[in-house]
Amino acid sequence: KKGPGPVFVIPIMNSAKKVDMRTEVMDIPRQRNITKDNAAIDIDFLVYLRVMGEYSDRSVLVVEEYRAAVVGLATTTLRAVVGEITLDEVLSQRERINDVLRSKLDAETERWGVKVENVEIREIEPPRDIQEAMNRQMSAERVRRAVVTEADGTRQASITVAEGEKQAAILTAEGSRQA
């Protein structure tokens, strides 16, 4: 374990390995996951990680290839997290899933000297039939809102006409009385 700068290595007795201490972005390949309500969805996400300076030796000595280990751990953790929640929750609670994934991954990778700084879900893609059902539902909701708005407008118009007729009747009655 050496710091930055020139390091002398005796070839027979020692070996050296460079460790990048900057934040790395790992694109986790698209994963098919099953939700609690048995809906299959594809999720694509990014993991931002960094080797911690004071524990950089662990990233070489404790785990053979920390990048591959993080990818494997991220995919299995995502499956576990998504498997505990419904499709609607997956689609609406992206931030909460990001936070849960980050904390679970960070807890595991800490012993390797790696800190998971952030997890970002880039895309959630439900199957085509579920996507079509969601589109039909959104369309029906728009139609419902339009009908409600139109009914409210008709009601307000009827009230306004009735109030106008009432005022006209009152004015006519007052005019007749004064005459």
N, C-alpha and C. Protein backbone atom coordinates (compact mmCIF):
# COMPACT_ATOMS: atom_id res chain seq x y z
N LYS A 1 0.87 -1.17 0.00
CA LYS A 1 0.00 0.00 0.00
C LYS A 1 0.90 1.22 0.00
N LYS A 2 0.84 1.93 -1.12
CA LYS A 2 1.65 3.14 -1.28
C LYS A 2 0.74 4.27 -1.71
N GLY A 3 1.20 5.46 -1.49
CA GLY A 3 0.44 6.64 -1.89
C GLY A 3 0.77 7.05 -3.31
N PRO A 4 0.38 8.27 -3.66
CA PRO A 4 0.66 8.77 -5.00
C PRO A 4 2.14 9.05 -5.18
N GLY A 5 2.57 9.14 -6.43
CA GLY A 5 3.96 9.45 -6.73
C GLY A 5 4.72 8.21 -7.13
N PRO A 6 6.02 8.37 -7.38
CA PRO A 6 6.84 7.21 -7.80
C PRO A 6 6.94 6.17 -6.69
N VAL A 7 6.81 4.93 -7.07
CA VAL A 7 6.91 3.81 -6.13
C VAL A 7 7.88 2.80 -6.73
N PHE A 8 8.83 2.36 -5.93
CA PHE A 8 9.80 1.38 -6.40
C PHE A 8 9.34 -0.01 -5.98
N VAL A 9 9.36 -0.93 -6.94
CA VAL A 9 8.90 -2.29 -6.71
C VAL A 9 10.03 -3.24 -7.05
N ILE A 10 10.32 -4.15 -6.13
CA ILE A 10 11.31 -5.18 -6.40
C ILE A 10 10.58 -6.30 -7.14
N PRO A 11 10.95 -6.57 -8.41
CA PRO A 11 10.17 -7.46 -9.26
C PRO A 11 9.90 -8.85 -8.69
N ILE A 12 10.82 -9.48 -8.05
CA ILE A 12 10.62 -10.85 -7.57
C ILE A 12 9.78 -10.87 -6.30
N MET A 13 9.95 -9.88 -5.45
CA MET A 13 9.28 -9.88 -4.15
C MET A 13 7.93 -9.17 -4.16
N ASN A 14 7.76 -8.16 -4.99
CA ASN A 14 6.54 -7.34 -4.96
C ASN A 14 5.90 -7.26 -6.34
N SER A 15 4.65 -6.91 -6.31
CA SER A 15 3.97 -6.56 -7.56
C SER A 15 3.14 -5.30 -7.27
N ALA A 16 2.88 -4.53 -8.33
CA ALA A 16 2.15 -3.28 -8.14
C ALA A 16 0.89 -3.31 -9.01
N LYS A 17 -0.10 -2.62 -8.53
CA LYS A 17 -1.33 -2.46 -9.29
C LYS A 17 -1.83 -1.05 -9.07
N LYS A 18 -2.13 -0.35 -10.17
CA LYS A 18 -2.64 1.00 -10.08
C LYS A 18 -4.14 0.94 -9.78
N VAL A 19 -4.57 1.83 -8.90
CA VAL A 19 -5.99 1.93 -8.56
C VAL A 19 -6.41 3.37 -8.79
N ASP A 20 -7.43 3.55 -9.61
CA ASP A 20 -7.96 4.88 -9.93
C ASP A 20 -8.88 5.31 -8.79
N MET A 21 -8.60 6.47 -8.21
CA MET A 21 -9.36 6.95 -7.05
C MET A 21 -10.49 7.90 -7.44
N ARG A 22 -10.66 8.13 -8.72
CA ARG A 22 -11.72 9.02 -9.18
C ARG A 22 -13.06 8.28 -9.20
N THR A 23 -14.13 9.05 -9.24
CA THR A 23 -15.46 8.46 -9.32
C THR A 23 -15.65 7.82 -10.70
N GLU A 24 -16.11 6.58 -10.70
CA GLU A 24 -16.37 5.85 -11.94
C GLU A 24 -17.87 5.74 -12.14
N VAL A 25 -18.27 5.73 -13.39
CA VAL A 25 -19.67 5.52 -13.73
C VAL A 25 -19.76 4.16 -14.40
N MET A 26 -20.59 3.30 -13.83
CA MET A 26 -20.77 1.97 -14.40
C MET A 26 -22.19 1.86 -14.94
N ASP A 27 -22.28 1.55 -16.22
CA ASP A 27 -23.58 1.35 -16.85
C ASP A 27 -23.95 -0.11 -16.66
N ILE A 28 -24.95 -0.36 -15.83
CA ILE A 28 -25.40 -1.73 -15.58
C ILE A 28 -26.33 -2.11 -16.73
N PRO A 29 -26.05 -3.21 -17.41
CA PRO A 29 -26.87 -3.59 -18.57
C PRO A 29 -28.34 -3.76 -18.19
N ARG A 30 -29.21 -3.54 -19.18
CA ARG A 30 -30.65 -3.66 -18.98
C ARG A 30 -30.98 -5.03 -18.37
N GLN A 31 -31.79 -4.96 -17.31
CA GLN A 31 -32.14 -6.18 -16.57
C GLN A 31 -33.65 -6.40 -16.62
N ARG A 32 -34.05 -7.64 -16.83
CA ARG A 32 -35.47 -8.00 -16.75
C ARG A 32 -35.73 -8.38 -15.29
N ASN A 33 -36.72 -7.72 -14.69
CA ASN A 33 -37.05 -7.94 -13.28
C ASN A 33 -38.53 -8.25 -13.15
N ILE A 34 -38.88 -9.03 -12.14
CA ILE A 34 -40.27 -9.38 -11.88
C ILE A 34 -40.70 -8.64 -10.62
N THR A 35 -41.80 -7.89 -10.71
CA THR A 35 -42.30 -7.14 -9.55
C THR A 35 -43.12 -8.06 -8.65
N LYS A 36 -43.53 -7.52 -7.53
CA LYS A 36 -44.33 -8.27 -6.56
C LYS A 36 -45.64 -8.77 -7.16
N ASP A 37 -46.21 -7.99 -8.10
CA ASP A 37 -47.46 -8.39 -8.74
C ASP A 37 -47.21 -9.12 -10.08
N ASN A 38 -46.04 -9.74 -10.21
CA ASN A 38 -45.66 -10.60 -11.34
C ASN A 38 -45.64 -9.90 -12.70
N ALA A 39 -45.30 -8.64 -12.73
CA ALA A 39 -45.12 -7.91 -13.98
C ALA A 39 -43.63 -7.88 -14.31
N ALA A 40 -43.29 -8.26 -15.53
CA ALA A 40 -41.89 -8.24 -15.96
C ALA A 40 -41.56 -6.87 -16.53
N ILE A 41 -40.53 -6.24 -16.00
CA ILE A 41 -40.11 -4.93 -16.51
C ILE A 41 -38.60 -4.93 -16.73
N ASP A 42 -38.18 -4.13 -17.70
CA ASP A 42 -36.76 -3.98 -17.98
C ASP A 42 -36.28 -2.67 -17.36
N ILE A 43 -35.17 -2.74 -16.63
CA ILE A 43 -34.63 -1.56 -15.95
C ILE A 43 -33.17 -1.39 -16.34
N ASP A 44 -32.83 -0.16 -16.68
CA ASP A 44 -31.48 0.22 -17.05
C ASP A 44 -31.01 1.27 -16.05
N PHE A 45 -29.84 1.07 -15.43
CA PHE A 45 -29.41 2.05 -14.42
C PHE A 45 -27.91 2.22 -14.39
N LEU A 46 -27.48 3.29 -13.72
CA LEU A 46 -26.07 3.64 -13.57
C LEU A 46 -25.68 3.57 -12.10
N VAL A 47 -24.43 3.17 -11.85
CA VAL A 47 -23.89 3.17 -10.49
C VAL A 47 -22.63 4.04 -10.50
N TYR A 48 -22.60 5.02 -9.60
CA TYR A 48 -21.44 5.89 -9.44
C TYR A 48 -20.67 5.40 -8.22
N LEU A 49 -19.41 5.01 -8.42
CA LEU A 49 -18.62 4.49 -7.30
C LEU A 49 -17.22 5.04 -7.33
N ARG A 50 -16.56 4.92 -6.19
CA ARG A 50 -15.21 5.44 -6.03
C ARG A 50 -14.46 4.55 -5.05
N VAL A 51 -13.20 4.27 -5.36
CA VAL A 51 -12.34 3.54 -4.43
C VAL A 51 -11.91 4.52 -3.35
N MET A 52 -12.13 4.15 -2.09
CA MET A 52 -11.77 5.03 -0.97
C MET A 52 -10.26 4.97 -0.75
N GLY A 53 -9.64 6.14 -0.66
CA GLY A 53 -8.19 6.24 -0.57
C GLY A 53 -7.58 5.43 0.57
N GLU A 54 -8.15 5.56 1.75
CA GLU A 54 -7.55 4.89 2.92
C GLU A 54 -7.73 3.38 2.90
N TYR A 55 -8.66 2.90 2.05
CA TYR A 55 -8.90 1.45 1.96
C TYR A 55 -8.66 0.93 0.55
N SER A 56 -7.81 1.61 -0.22
CA SER A 56 -7.60 1.22 -1.62
C SER A 56 -6.98 -0.18 -1.74
N ASP A 57 -6.22 -0.61 -0.73
CA ASP A 57 -5.63 -1.94 -0.79
C ASP A 57 -6.70 -3.03 -0.79
N ARG A 58 -7.84 -2.77 -0.15
CA ARG A 58 -8.93 -3.76 -0.11
C ARG A 58 -9.50 -4.02 -1.50
N SER A 59 -9.53 -2.98 -2.35
CA SER A 59 -10.11 -3.15 -3.69
C SER A 59 -9.27 -4.09 -4.55
N VAL A 60 -8.04 -4.36 -4.13
CA VAL A 60 -7.17 -5.28 -4.85
C VAL A 60 -7.03 -6.60 -4.10
N LEU A 61 -6.94 -6.54 -2.77
CA LEU A 61 -6.65 -7.74 -1.98
C LEU A 61 -7.89 -8.53 -1.55
N VAL A 62 -9.01 -7.86 -1.29
CA VAL A 62 -10.19 -8.53 -0.75
C VAL A 62 -11.07 -9.12 -1.85
N VAL A 63 -11.13 -8.42 -2.98
CA VAL A 63 -11.97 -8.87 -4.10
C VAL A 63 -11.10 -8.91 -5.35
N GLU A 64 -11.32 -9.92 -6.19
CA GLU A 64 -10.46 -10.10 -7.36
C GLU A 64 -10.63 -8.96 -8.37
N GLU A 65 -11.86 -8.67 -8.75
CA GLU A 65 -12.15 -7.60 -9.71
C GLU A 65 -13.37 -6.86 -9.20
N TYR A 66 -13.14 -5.72 -8.53
CA TYR A 66 -14.25 -5.04 -7.86
C TYR A 66 -15.30 -4.54 -8.83
N ARG A 67 -14.92 -4.16 -10.05
CA ARG A 67 -15.92 -3.69 -11.02
C ARG A 67 -16.92 -4.79 -11.37
N ALA A 68 -16.43 -5.97 -11.68
CA ALA A 68 -17.32 -7.09 -12.01
C ALA A 68 -18.16 -7.47 -10.80
N ALA A 69 -17.56 -7.39 -9.61
CA ALA A 69 -18.30 -7.73 -8.39
C ALA A 69 -19.43 -6.73 -8.15
N VAL A 70 -19.18 -5.46 -8.42
CA VAL A 70 -20.22 -4.43 -8.23
C VAL A 70 -21.35 -4.64 -9.24
N VAL A 71 -21.02 -4.99 -10.49
CA VAL A 71 -22.06 -5.25 -11.50
C VAL A 71 -22.94 -6.42 -11.06
N GLY A 72 -22.32 -7.51 -10.63
CA GLY A 72 -23.08 -8.67 -10.17
C GLY A 72 -23.94 -8.35 -8.97
N LEU A 73 -23.36 -7.65 -8.01
CA LEU A 73 -24.10 -7.28 -6.80
C LEU A 73 -25.24 -6.33 -7.13
N ALA A 74 -25.01 -5.39 -8.03
CA ALA A 74 -26.05 -4.42 -8.41
C ALA A 74 -27.24 -5.12 -9.07
N THR A 75 -26.97 -6.08 -9.95
CA THR A 75 -28.08 -6.75 -10.64
C THR A 75 -28.90 -7.60 -9.67
N THR A 76 -28.25 -8.32 -8.77
CA THR A 76 -29.01 -9.13 -7.83
C THR A 76 -29.74 -8.28 -6.80
N THR A 77 -29.13 -7.18 -6.38
CA THR A 77 -29.80 -6.28 -5.43
C THR A 77 -31.02 -5.63 -6.07
N LEU A 78 -30.89 -5.22 -7.34
CA LEU A 78 -32.03 -4.64 -8.05
C LEU A 78 -33.19 -5.64 -8.12
N ARG A 79 -32.88 -6.89 -8.43
CA ARG A 79 -33.94 -7.91 -8.50
C ARG A 79 -34.62 -8.08 -7.15
N ALA A 80 -33.85 -8.06 -6.08
CA ALA A 80 -34.43 -8.22 -4.75
C ALA A 80 -35.31 -7.02 -4.39
N VAL A 81 -34.86 -5.82 -4.69
CA VAL A 81 -35.62 -4.61 -4.34
C VAL A 81 -36.91 -4.53 -5.16
N VAL A 82 -36.81 -4.76 -6.47
CA VAL A 82 -37.98 -4.67 -7.35
C VAL A 82 -38.96 -5.81 -7.04
N GLY A 83 -38.46 -6.95 -6.64
CA GLY A 83 -39.32 -8.08 -6.33
C GLY A 83 -40.20 -7.87 -5.11
N GLU A 84 -39.88 -6.87 -4.30
CA GLU A 84 -40.64 -6.60 -3.08
C GLU A 84 -41.72 -5.53 -3.27
N ILE A 85 -41.79 -4.89 -4.45
CA ILE A 85 -42.76 -3.82 -4.67
C ILE A 85 -43.55 -4.06 -5.95
N THR A 86 -44.69 -3.41 -6.06
CA THR A 86 -45.57 -3.59 -7.21
C THR A 86 -45.12 -2.72 -8.39
N LEU A 87 -45.69 -3.00 -9.56
CA LEU A 87 -45.34 -2.26 -10.76
C LEU A 87 -45.63 -0.77 -10.61
N ASP A 88 -46.79 -0.43 -10.05
CA ASP A 88 -47.13 0.98 -9.86
C ASP A 88 -46.11 1.68 -8.98
N GLU A 89 -45.65 1.00 -7.93
CA GLU A 89 -44.64 1.59 -7.04
C GLU A 89 -43.31 1.76 -7.76
N VAL A 90 -42.93 0.79 -8.60
CA VAL A 90 -41.67 0.90 -9.35
C VAL A 90 -41.72 2.12 -10.26
N LEU A 91 -42.87 2.32 -10.92
CA LEU A 91 -42.99 3.43 -11.86
C LEU A 91 -43.08 4.79 -11.17
N SER A 92 -43.62 4.82 -9.96
CA SER A 92 -43.84 6.11 -9.30
C SER A 92 -42.79 6.45 -8.24
N GLN A 93 -42.01 5.48 -7.79
CA GLN A 93 -41.07 5.73 -6.69
C GLN A 93 -39.63 5.48 -7.10
N ARG A 94 -39.23 6.06 -8.21
CA ARG A 94 -37.88 5.88 -8.73
C ARG A 94 -36.81 6.35 -7.75
N GLU A 95 -37.03 7.51 -7.13
CA GLU A 95 -36.05 8.06 -6.18
C GLU A 95 -35.86 7.14 -4.97
N ARG A 96 -36.96 6.60 -4.46
CA ARG A 96 -36.86 5.70 -3.31
C ARG A 96 -36.09 4.44 -3.68
N ILE A 97 -36.31 3.91 -4.87
CA ILE A 97 -35.58 2.73 -5.32
C ILE A 97 -34.09 3.07 -5.45
N ASN A 98 -33.78 4.24 -6.01
CA ASN A 98 -32.38 4.67 -6.12
C ASN A 98 -31.71 4.70 -4.75
N ASP A 99 -32.39 5.26 -3.75
CA ASP A 99 -31.83 5.37 -2.40
C ASP A 99 -31.63 4.00 -1.76
N VAL A 100 -32.61 3.12 -1.91
CA VAL A 100 -32.50 1.78 -1.33
C VAL A 100 -31.35 1.02 -1.98
N LEU A 101 -31.25 1.10 -3.30
CA LEU A 101 -30.15 0.42 -4.00
C LEU A 101 -28.80 0.96 -3.55
N ARG A 102 -28.69 2.30 -3.47
CA ARG A 102 -27.41 2.89 -3.07
C ARG A 102 -26.99 2.43 -1.68
N SER A 103 -27.93 2.46 -0.74
CA SER A 103 -27.57 2.09 0.64
C SER A 103 -27.21 0.61 0.74
N LYS A 104 -27.95 -0.26 0.05
CA LYS A 104 -27.64 -1.69 0.10
C LYS A 104 -26.31 -2.00 -0.58
N LEU A 105 -26.08 -1.39 -1.72
CA LEU A 105 -24.81 -1.61 -2.42
C LEU A 105 -23.63 -1.07 -1.61
N ASP A 106 -23.80 0.12 -1.05
CA ASP A 106 -22.72 0.73 -0.29
C ASP A 106 -22.36 -0.12 0.95
N ALA A 107 -23.36 -0.67 1.58
CA ALA A 107 -23.11 -1.51 2.77
C ALA A 107 -22.26 -2.73 2.39
N GLU A 108 -22.53 -3.31 1.22
CA GLU A 108 -21.78 -4.49 0.79
C GLU A 108 -20.39 -4.16 0.26
N THR A 109 -20.29 -3.08 -0.52
CA THR A 109 -19.01 -2.77 -1.16
C THR A 109 -18.02 -2.09 -0.22
N GLU A 110 -18.49 -1.65 0.93
CA GLU A 110 -17.60 -0.98 1.89
C GLU A 110 -16.45 -1.88 2.31
N ARG A 111 -16.71 -3.16 2.44
CA ARG A 111 -15.64 -4.08 2.86
C ARG A 111 -14.61 -4.30 1.76
N TRP A 112 -14.92 -3.89 0.53
CA TRP A 112 -13.96 -3.97 -0.58
C TRP A 112 -13.20 -2.67 -0.75
N GLY A 113 -13.48 -1.67 0.09
CA GLY A 113 -12.82 -0.38 -0.03
C GLY A 113 -13.43 0.48 -1.12
N VAL A 114 -14.67 0.17 -1.49
CA VAL A 114 -15.36 0.89 -2.56
C VAL A 114 -16.59 1.57 -1.98
N LYS A 115 -16.80 2.83 -2.33
CA LYS A 115 -17.96 3.60 -1.88
C LYS A 115 -18.89 3.82 -3.05
N VAL A 116 -20.14 3.38 -2.92
CA VAL A 116 -21.16 3.66 -3.94
C VAL A 116 -21.74 5.02 -3.61
N GLU A 117 -21.46 6.00 -4.46
CA GLU A 117 -21.88 7.37 -4.19
C GLU A 117 -23.31 7.65 -4.63
N ASN A 118 -23.74 7.00 -5.72
CA ASN A 118 -25.08 7.27 -6.22
C ASN A 118 -25.53 6.14 -7.14
N VAL A 119 -26.84 5.97 -7.23
CA VAL A 119 -27.45 5.04 -8.17
C VAL A 119 -28.56 5.79 -8.88
N GLU A 120 -28.59 5.73 -10.20
CA GLU A 120 -29.61 6.43 -10.98
C GLU A 120 -30.26 5.47 -11.95
N ILE A 121 -31.57 5.30 -11.81
CA ILE A 121 -32.32 4.50 -12.78
C ILE A 121 -32.51 5.38 -14.01
N ARG A 122 -32.03 4.91 -15.16
CA ARG A 122 -32.16 5.69 -16.39
C ARG A 122 -33.48 5.43 -17.08
N GLU A 123 -33.88 4.18 -17.13
CA GLU A 123 -35.09 3.86 -17.88
C GLU A 123 -35.78 2.65 -17.27
N ILE A 124 -37.10 2.76 -17.18
CA ILE A 124 -37.94 1.64 -16.75
C ILE A 124 -38.89 1.38 -17.90
N GLU A 125 -38.83 0.18 -18.43
CA GLU A 125 -39.65 -0.14 -19.60
C GLU A 125 -40.54 -1.34 -19.31
N PRO A 126 -41.84 -1.09 -19.12
CA PRO A 126 -42.75 -2.22 -18.91
C PRO A 126 -43.00 -2.94 -20.24
N PRO A 127 -43.51 -4.17 -20.20
CA PRO A 127 -43.80 -4.89 -21.44
C PRO A 127 -44.84 -4.14 -22.28
N ARG A 128 -44.87 -4.45 -23.57
CA ARG A 128 -45.73 -3.75 -24.51
C ARG A 128 -47.20 -3.80 -24.11
N ASP A 129 -47.70 -4.96 -23.66
CA ASP A 129 -49.12 -5.06 -23.31
C ASP A 129 -49.46 -4.19 -22.10
N ILE A 130 -48.56 -4.12 -21.13
CA ILE A 130 -48.79 -3.27 -19.96
C ILE A 130 -48.71 -1.80 -20.37
N GLN A 131 -47.77 -1.47 -21.27
CA GLN A 131 -47.64 -0.09 -21.76
C GLN A 131 -48.91 0.33 -22.49
N GLU A 132 -49.46 -0.57 -23.30
CA GLU A 132 -50.71 -0.25 -24.02
C GLU A 132 -51.87 -0.06 -23.06
N ALA A 133 -51.94 -0.92 -22.02
CA ALA A 133 -53.00 -0.77 -21.02
C ALA A 133 -52.86 0.56 -20.28
N MET A 134 -51.64 0.97 -19.97
CA MET A 134 -51.41 2.25 -19.30
C MET A 134 -51.82 3.41 -20.21
N ASN A 135 -51.53 3.30 -21.51
CA ASN A 135 -51.93 4.35 -22.45
C ASN A 135 -53.45 4.45 -22.54
N ARG A 136 -54.14 3.30 -22.58
CA ARG A 136 -55.60 3.31 -22.61
C ARG A 136 -56.16 3.93 -21.34
N GLN A 137 -55.56 3.62 -20.20
CA GLN A 137 -56.00 4.17 -18.92
C GLN A 137 -55.82 5.69 -18.91
N MET A 138 -54.67 6.19 -19.40
CA MET A 138 -54.44 7.63 -19.45
C MET A 138 -55.45 8.31 -20.37
N SER A 139 -55.74 7.66 -21.50
CA SER A 139 -56.71 8.22 -22.44
C SER A 139 -58.10 8.28 -21.80
N ALA A 140 -58.49 7.22 -21.12
CA ALA A 140 -59.79 7.19 -20.44
C ALA A 140 -59.85 8.26 -19.36
N GLU A 141 -58.77 8.48 -18.65
CA GLU A 141 -58.73 9.50 -17.60
C GLU A 141 -58.89 10.89 -18.22
N ARG A 142 -58.25 11.14 -19.36
CA ARG A 142 -58.41 12.43 -20.04
C ARG A 142 -59.85 12.65 -20.48
N VAL A 143 -60.48 11.60 -21.03
CA VAL A 143 -61.88 11.70 -21.45
C VAL A 143 -62.77 11.98 -20.25
N ARG A 144 -62.53 11.29 -19.14
CA ARG A 144 -63.31 11.50 -17.92
C ARG A 144 -63.20 12.94 -17.45
N ARG A 145 -61.97 13.48 -17.44
CA ARG A 145 -61.79 14.86 -17.01
C ARG A 145 -62.50 15.84 -17.94
N ALA A 146 -62.48 15.55 -19.23
CA ALA A 146 -63.16 16.42 -20.20
C ALA A 146 -64.67 16.39 -19.96
N VAL A 147 -65.23 15.21 -19.70
CA VAL A 147 -66.67 15.09 -19.44
C VAL A 147 -67.04 15.83 -18.15
N VAL A 148 -66.24 15.69 -17.11
CA VAL A 148 -66.49 16.38 -15.85
C VAL A 148 -66.43 17.90 -16.05
N THR A 149 -65.42 18.36 -16.78
CA THR A 149 -65.29 19.79 -17.03
C THR A 149 -66.48 20.32 -17.84
N GLU A 150 -66.89 19.56 -18.84
CA GLU A 150 -68.05 19.97 -19.65
C GLU A 150 -69.32 20.00 -18.81
N ALA A 151 -69.50 19.00 -17.94
CA ALA A 151 -70.68 18.97 -17.07
C ALA A 151 -70.68 20.16 -16.11
N ASP A 152 -69.50 20.47 -15.55
CA ASP A 152 -69.40 21.64 -14.67
C ASP A 152 -69.74 22.92 -15.42
N GLY A 153 -69.29 23.04 -16.65
CA GLY A 153 -69.59 24.21 -17.46
C GLY A 153 -71.09 24.33 -17.74
N THR A 154 -71.72 23.20 -18.09
CA THR A 154 -73.17 23.20 -18.34
C THR A 154 -73.94 23.58 -17.09
N ARG A 155 -73.50 23.04 -15.95
CA ARG A 155 -74.15 23.36 -14.67
C ARG A 155 -74.03 24.85 -14.36
N GLN A 156 -72.84 25.40 -14.51
CA GLN A 156 -72.64 26.82 -14.24
C GLN A 156 -73.48 27.68 -15.19
N ALA A 157 -73.56 27.26 -16.46
CA ALA A 157 -74.37 28.01 -17.43
C ALA A 157 -75.84 27.98 -17.02
N SER A 158 -76.33 26.81 -16.59
CA SER A 158 -77.73 26.69 -16.16
C SER A 158 -78.00 27.57 -14.95
N ILE A 159 -77.07 27.58 -14.01
CA ILE A 159 -77.23 28.41 -12.81
C ILE A 159 -77.26 29.89 -13.19
N THR A 160 -76.37 30.28 -14.08
CA THR A 160 -76.32 31.68 -14.51
C THR A 160 -77.61 32.08 -15.23
N VAL A 161 -78.12 31.20 -16.11
CA VAL A 161 -79.38 31.49 -16.82
C VAL A 161 -80.52 31.58 -15.84
N ALA A 162 -80.59 30.65 -14.88
CA ALA A 162 -81.67 30.66 -13.88
C ALA A 162 -81.60 31.93 -13.03
N GLU A 163 -80.40 32.34 -12.62
CA GLU A 163 -80.27 33.57 -11.84
C GLU A 163 -80.69 34.78 -12.67
N GLY A 164 -80.35 34.76 -13.96
CA GLY A 164 -80.76 35.86 -14.83
C GLY A 164 -82.27 35.93 -14.97
N GLU A 165 -82.91 34.76 -15.14
CA GLU A 165 -84.37 34.72 -15.25
C GLU A 165 -85.03 35.18 -13.94
N LYS A 166 -84.42 34.79 -12.83
CA LYS A 166 -84.95 35.20 -11.52
C LYS A 166 -84.87 36.72 -11.38
N GLN A 167 -83.71 37.29 -11.73
CA GLN A 167 -83.54 38.74 -11.65
C GLN A 167 -84.55 39.44 -12.57
N ALA A 168 -84.75 38.88 -13.77
CA ALA A 168 -85.70 39.48 -14.72
C ALA A 168 -87.11 39.44 -14.15
N ALA A 169 -87.47 38.32 -13.53
CA ALA A 169 -88.80 38.19 -12.93
C ALA A 169 -88.97 39.18 -11.79
N ILE A 170 -87.94 39.35 -10.99
CA ILE A 170 -88.00 40.29 -9.86
C ILE A 170 -88.17 41.71 -10.39
N LEU A 171 -87.39 42.06 -11.38
CA LEU A 171 -87.47 43.41 -11.95
C LEU A 171 -88.84 43.65 -12.61
N THR A 172 -89.37 42.63 -13.28
CA THR A 172 -90.68 42.74 -13.90
C THR A 172 -91.75 42.94 -12.84
N ALA A 173 -91.65 42.18 -11.76
CA ALA A 173 -92.63 42.29 -10.66
C ALA A 173 -92.54 43.66 -10.01
N GLU A 174 -91.32 44.15 -9.78
CA GLU A 174 -91.17 45.48 -9.19
C GLU A 174 -91.70 46.55 -10.13
N GLY A 175 -91.45 46.38 -11.41
CA GLY A 175 -91.96 47.34 -12.39
C GLY A 175 -93.47 47.36 -12.42
N SER A 176 -94.11 46.19 -12.36
CA SER A 176 -95.57 46.09 -12.35
C SER A 176 -96.13 46.71 -11.07
N ARG A 177 -95.51 46.50 -9.94
CA ARG A 177 -95.97 47.03 -8.66
C ARG A 177 -95.88 48.56 -8.66
N GLN A 178 -94.78 49.08 -9.19
CA GLN A 178 -94.62 50.53 -9.22
C GLN A 178 -95.60 51.19 -10.22
N ALA A 179 -95.92 50.44 -11.27
CA ALA A 179 -96.84 50.98 -12.25
C ALA A 179 -98.22 51.02 -11.64
